[in-house]
């Protein structure tokens, strides 16, 4: 196992960077940045980054990159498959491509918040879940819209709340497998894809005057849909209640 710890250290990979099975590369604090620009980053063990920045600009990554209270920047040319797990208070800049997974996953250190300052598109898999301790997982888009053409899975795991504070345009699959709050102030939520609220779970749409547009695709409410204030517009697609 190895620690990179140079203050304001910059680490760039363009060839072959291999982390063997059973060992950990740790990068923590001190304004450090890891640039995955090309070549391959092979994570056989663990890549743990805390309070630092990971720039995925190109090349390929195998294994899982774990980021805690860090910045994740995905460049336009970084479209190869990858798995990122984020915890703590982290940020996202860039789109999630097909084959890529970003998991907003609280650890036993407390709640997790992943925030994007601007609109982004998820064409891969975006997950909100907790696997070890029951803390809250929150996704925030400060300005603009989260456009989903891939899959968003809101999972229970070890428990804790699940919150999305963002305008949402679902053109793909939205699976509410545990109770979820959509709470952006006067948020706009549009469905033309597949939107499923699982049995015994609740989707709560609230804050200000929210608008939910059921424009196409299917909205399946096997659990409970609660809309506080604002308006629900049924303009197209199918709406199934119960199950």
Protein backbone atom coordinates (compact mmCIF):
# COMPACT_ATOMS: atom_id res chain seq x y z
CA UNK A 1 0.00 0.00 0.00
CA UNK A 2 1.18 3.48 -0.90
CA UNK A 3 0.28 7.05 0.05
CA UNK A 4 0.76 10.08 -2.19
CA UNK A 5 1.06 13.12 0.07
CA UNK A 6 2.92 15.97 -1.62
CA UNK A 7 1.23 19.31 -0.87
CA UNK A 8 -0.50 20.49 -4.07
CA UNK A 9 0.83 17.34 -5.70
CA UNK A 10 -0.14 16.62 -9.30
CA UNK A 11 -0.11 13.02 -10.54
CA UNK A 12 -0.71 12.28 -14.23
CA UNK A 13 -1.17 8.92 -15.93
CA UNK A 14 -0.78 8.42 -19.68
CA UNK A 15 0.45 4.83 -19.78
CA UNK A 16 0.05 1.91 -17.34
CA UNK A 17 -0.76 2.55 -13.66
CA UNK A 18 -1.42 -0.66 -11.74
CA UNK A 19 -2.67 -1.05 -8.16
CA UNK A 20 -2.23 -4.68 -7.17
CA UNK A 21 -4.92 -6.74 -5.52
CA UNK A 22 -5.09 -6.45 -1.76
CA UNK A 23 -3.31 -3.08 -1.55
CA UNK A 24 -4.46 0.54 -1.46
CA UNK A 25 -3.31 3.76 -3.08
CA UNK A 26 -4.28 6.63 -0.76
CA UNK A 27 -4.38 10.31 -1.74
CA UNK A 28 -5.66 12.66 0.96
CA UNK A 29 -5.88 16.44 1.23
CA UNK A 30 -3.20 19.05 0.55
CA UNK A 31 -4.86 20.20 -2.72
CA UNK A 32 -3.68 17.10 -4.56
CA UNK A 33 -4.90 16.21 -8.05
CA UNK A 34 -4.86 12.93 -9.97
CA UNK A 35 -5.16 13.26 -13.77
CA UNK A 36 -6.20 10.13 -15.65
CA UNK A 37 -5.38 11.43 -19.13
CA UNK A 38 -4.62 8.28 -21.11
CA UNK A 39 -3.39 4.73 -20.97
CA UNK A 40 -4.87 2.50 -18.27
CA UNK A 41 -5.52 2.84 -14.56
CA UNK A 42 -5.97 -0.70 -13.26
CA UNK A 43 -7.36 -0.86 -9.72
CA UNK A 44 -6.96 -4.43 -8.53
CA UNK A 45 -7.00 -3.36 -4.88
CA UNK A 46 -8.32 0.04 -3.81
CA UNK A 47 -7.95 3.64 -4.97
CA UNK A 48 -9.01 5.88 -2.05
CA UNK A 49 -9.02 9.66 -2.49
CA UNK A 50 -10.11 12.10 0.22
CA UNK A 51 -10.41 15.91 0.07
CA UNK A 52 -8.67 16.03 -3.31
CA UNK A 53 -9.51 16.12 -7.05
CA UNK A 54 -9.82 13.33 -9.62
CA UNK A 55 -9.80 14.36 -13.29
CA UNK A 56 -10.92 11.65 -15.71
CA UNK A 57 -9.86 13.03 -19.09
CA UNK A 58 -9.20 9.90 -21.12
CA UNK A 59 -7.86 6.39 -21.29
CA UNK A 60 -9.43 3.47 -19.46
CA UNK A 61 -10.06 2.60 -15.81
CA UNK A 62 -10.71 -0.88 -14.45
CA UNK A 63 -11.85 -1.48 -10.89
CA UNK A 64 -13.43 1.07 -8.56
CA UNK A 65 -12.24 4.58 -7.69
CA UNK A 66 -13.50 5.73 -4.27
CA UNK A 67 -13.74 9.46 -3.57
CA UNK A 68 -14.59 11.02 -0.21
CA UNK A 69 -15.30 14.77 0.04
CA UNK A 70 -13.54 15.19 -3.29
CA UNK A 71 -14.10 16.71 -6.73
CA UNK A 72 -14.85 14.37 -9.65
CA UNK A 73 -14.37 15.94 -13.08
CA UNK A 74 -15.31 13.85 -16.13
CA UNK A 75 -13.99 15.28 -19.39
CA UNK A 76 -15.84 15.18 -22.70
CA UNK A 77 -13.40 12.61 -24.09
CA UNK A 78 -13.62 10.27 -21.10
CA UNK A 79 -16.29 7.85 -22.24
CA UNK A 80 -14.83 4.43 -21.37
CA UNK A 81 -16.49 2.30 -18.66
CA UNK A 82 -15.62 3.11 -15.04
CA UNK A 83 -17.07 2.80 -11.54
CA UNK A 84 -16.86 5.74 -9.15
CA UNK A 85 -18.08 5.56 -5.54
CA UNK A 86 -18.49 8.96 -3.86
CA UNK A 87 -19.00 9.73 -0.17
CA UNK A 88 -18.82 12.75 2.12
CA UNK A 89 -19.44 16.16 0.54
CA UNK A 90 -18.30 15.76 -3.05
CA UNK A 91 -18.81 17.51 -6.39
CA UNK A 92 -19.36 16.35 -9.96
CA UNK A 93 -18.56 18.16 -13.18
CA UNK A 94 -19.31 16.50 -16.52
CA UNK A 95 -21.58 13.86 -17.99
CA UNK A 96 -21.87 10.18 -17.10
CA UNK A 97 -21.50 8.14 -20.30
CA UNK A 98 -23.02 4.77 -21.19
CA UNK A 99 -21.18 2.02 -19.36
CA UNK A 100 -20.11 4.31 -16.54
CA UNK A 101 -21.43 4.09 -12.96
CA UNK A 102 -21.46 6.76 -10.28
CA UNK A 103 -22.67 5.58 -6.88
CA UNK A 104 -23.61 8.17 -4.24
CA UNK A 105 -22.84 5.90 -1.32
CA UNK A 106 -22.58 7.05 2.31
CA UNK A 107 -20.01 5.23 4.38
CA UNK A 108 -20.07 5.01 8.17
CA UNK A 109 -18.60 8.51 8.37
CA UNK A 110 -21.97 10.22 7.87
CA UNK A 111 -24.32 11.57 5.20
CA UNK A 112 -23.20 11.93 1.60
CA UNK A 113 -23.91 14.78 -0.80
CA UNK A 114 -22.91 14.88 -4.46
CA UNK A 115 -23.44 18.30 -6.02
CA UNK A 116 -23.20 19.50 -9.60
CA UNK A 117 -23.18 23.24 -10.21
CA UNK A 118 -24.70 22.86 -13.67
CA UNK A 119 -26.82 20.57 -15.85
CA UNK A 120 -25.49 17.14 -16.71
CA UNK A 121 -26.63 13.99 -18.48
CA UNK A 122 -26.59 10.49 -17.09
CA UNK A 123 -26.40 7.95 -19.89
CA UNK A 124 -24.93 5.27 -17.62
CA UNK A 125 -25.96 4.18 -14.13
CA UNK A 126 -26.43 6.64 -11.29
CA UNK A 127 -27.13 5.11 -7.89
CA UNK A 128 -28.13 6.48 -4.48
CA UNK A 129 -27.61 3.81 -1.85
CA UNK A 130 -25.94 2.94 1.44
CA UNK A 131 -24.26 -0.41 1.89
CA UNK A 132 -22.65 -0.31 5.35
CA UNK A 133 -24.36 2.32 7.56
CA UNK A 134 -27.78 3.95 7.26
CA UNK A 135 -26.94 7.53 6.30
CA UNK A 136 -28.64 9.88 3.84
CA UNK A 137 -27.61 10.08 0.17
CA UNK A 138 -28.35 13.38 -1.58
CA UNK A 139 -27.86 14.45 -5.20
CA UNK A 140 -27.96 18.18 -6.00
CA UNK A 141 -27.98 20.06 -9.31
CA UNK A 142 -27.73 23.74 -8.41
CA UNK A 143 -28.62 25.20 -11.83
CA UNK A 144 -30.16 23.53 -14.84
CA UNK A 145 -31.45 19.98 -15.20
CA UNK A 146 -30.40 16.40 -14.61
CA UNK A 147 -31.23 14.62 -17.87
CA UNK A 148 -31.41 10.85 -17.50
CA UNK A 149 -31.13 8.74 -20.65
CA UNK A 150 -29.63 5.82 -18.75
CA UNK A 151 -30.69 4.40 -15.38
CA UNK A 152 -31.13 5.99 -11.96
CA UNK A 153 -31.50 3.47 -9.14
CA UNK A 154 -32.58 4.76 -5.73
CA UNK A 155 -31.80 1.86 -3.40
CA UNK A 156 -32.30 1.27 0.30
CA UNK A 157 -29.32 -0.83 1.28
CA UNK A 158 -28.48 -0.17 4.93
CA UNK A 159 -31.12 2.57 5.20
CA UNK A 160 -31.14 6.35 5.49
CA UNK A 161 -32.94 9.01 3.46
CA UNK A 162 -32.68 9.52 -0.30
CA UNK A 163 -32.99 13.03 -1.72
CA UNK A 164 -32.67 14.54 -5.20
CA UNK A 165 -32.60 18.33 -5.26
CA UNK A 166 -32.64 18.93 -9.01
CA UNK A 167 -34.87 19.51 -11.98
CA UNK A 168 -35.23 16.10 -13.60
CA UNK A 169 -35.88 15.07 -17.21
CA UNK A 170 -36.25 11.29 -17.23
CA UNK A 171 -35.97 9.80 -20.70
CA UNK A 172 -34.52 6.50 -19.49
CA UNK A 173 -35.27 4.39 -16.41
CA UNK A 174 -35.97 5.83 -12.97
CA UNK A 175 -36.29 3.12 -10.31
CA UNK A 176 -37.44 4.31 -6.88
CA UNK A 177 -36.66 1.17 -4.89
CA UNK A 178 -36.74 3.00 -1.55
CA UNK A 179 -38.52 6.18 -0.49
CA UNK A 180 -37.27 9.30 -2.26
CA UNK A 181 -37.80 13.04 -1.85
CA UNK A 182 -37.69 15.34 -4.88
CA UNK A 183 -37.37 18.68 -3.12
CA UNK A 184 -35.88 21.32 -5.41
CA UNK A 185 -37.73 24.59 -4.80
CA UNK A 186 -40.39 24.85 -7.55
CA UNK A 187 -38.67 21.98 -9.32
CA UNK A 188 -39.76 20.70 -12.72
CA UNK A 189 -39.84 16.92 -13.24
CA UNK A 190 -40.64 15.43 -16.65
CA UNK A 191 -41.09 11.78 -17.54
CA UNK A 192 -41.05 10.30 -21.03
CA UNK A 193 -39.22 7.13 -20.02
CA UNK A 194 -39.89 4.46 -17.42
CA UNK A 195 -40.56 5.73 -13.89
CA UNK A 196 -41.30 3.09 -11.23
CA UNK A 197 -42.14 3.59 -7.55
CA UNK A 198 -41.72 0.23 -5.87
CA UNK A 199 -44.27 -1.36 -3.57
CA UNK A 200 -44.31 0.01 0.00
CA UNK A 201 -42.07 2.97 -1.02
CA UNK A 202 -43.01 6.65 -1.31
CA UNK A 203 -42.03 9.34 -3.80
CA UNK A 204 -42.56 12.79 -2.25
CA UNK A 205 -42.57 15.83 -4.55
CA UNK A 206 -42.45 19.03 -2.51
CA UNK A 207 -40.97 22.50 -1.91
CA UNK A 208 -42.35 25.67 -3.47
CA UNK A 209 -44.62 24.99 -6.44
CA UNK A 210 -43.24 21.82 -8.05
CA UNK A 211 -44.46 20.58 -11.42
CA UNK A 212 -44.49 16.93 -12.50
CA UNK A 213 -45.09 16.41 -16.22
CA UNK A 214 -46.12 12.89 -17.18
CA UNK A 215 -45.62 13.40 -20.91
CA UNK A 216 -44.88 9.92 -22.20
CA UNK A 217 -43.46 6.53 -21.39
CA UNK A 218 -44.86 5.03 -18.21
CA UNK A 219 -45.31 6.04 -14.60
CA UNK A 220 -45.94 2.99 -12.40
CA UNK A 221 -46.96 3.71 -8.80
CA UNK A 222 -46.86 0.43 -6.91
CA UNK A 223 -46.15 2.34 -3.69
CA UNK A 224 -47.22 5.91 -2.90
CA UNK A 225 -46.88 9.18 -4.85
CA UNK A 226 -47.28 12.36 -2.74
CA UNK A 227 -47.33 15.81 -4.36
CA UNK A 228 -47.34 18.83 -2.01
CA UNK A 229 -48.40 22.06 -3.72
CA UNK A 230 -47.72 22.85 -7.36
CA UNK A 231 -49.28 20.78 -10.13
CA UNK A 232 -49.30 17.30 -11.66
CA UNK A 233 -49.84 17.24 -15.43
CA UNK A 234 -50.89 14.02 -17.15
CA UNK A 235 -50.23 14.74 -20.83
CA UNK A 236 -49.30 11.36 -22.24
CA UNK A 237 -47.93 7.87 -21.79
CA UNK A 238 -49.37 5.41 -19.30
CA UNK A 239 -50.13 5.81 -15.63
CA UNK A 240 -50.52 2.65 -13.54
CA UNK A 241 -51.46 2.76 -9.85
CA UNK A 242 -51.36 -0.16 -7.44
CA UNK A 243 -49.74 -3.53 -7.75
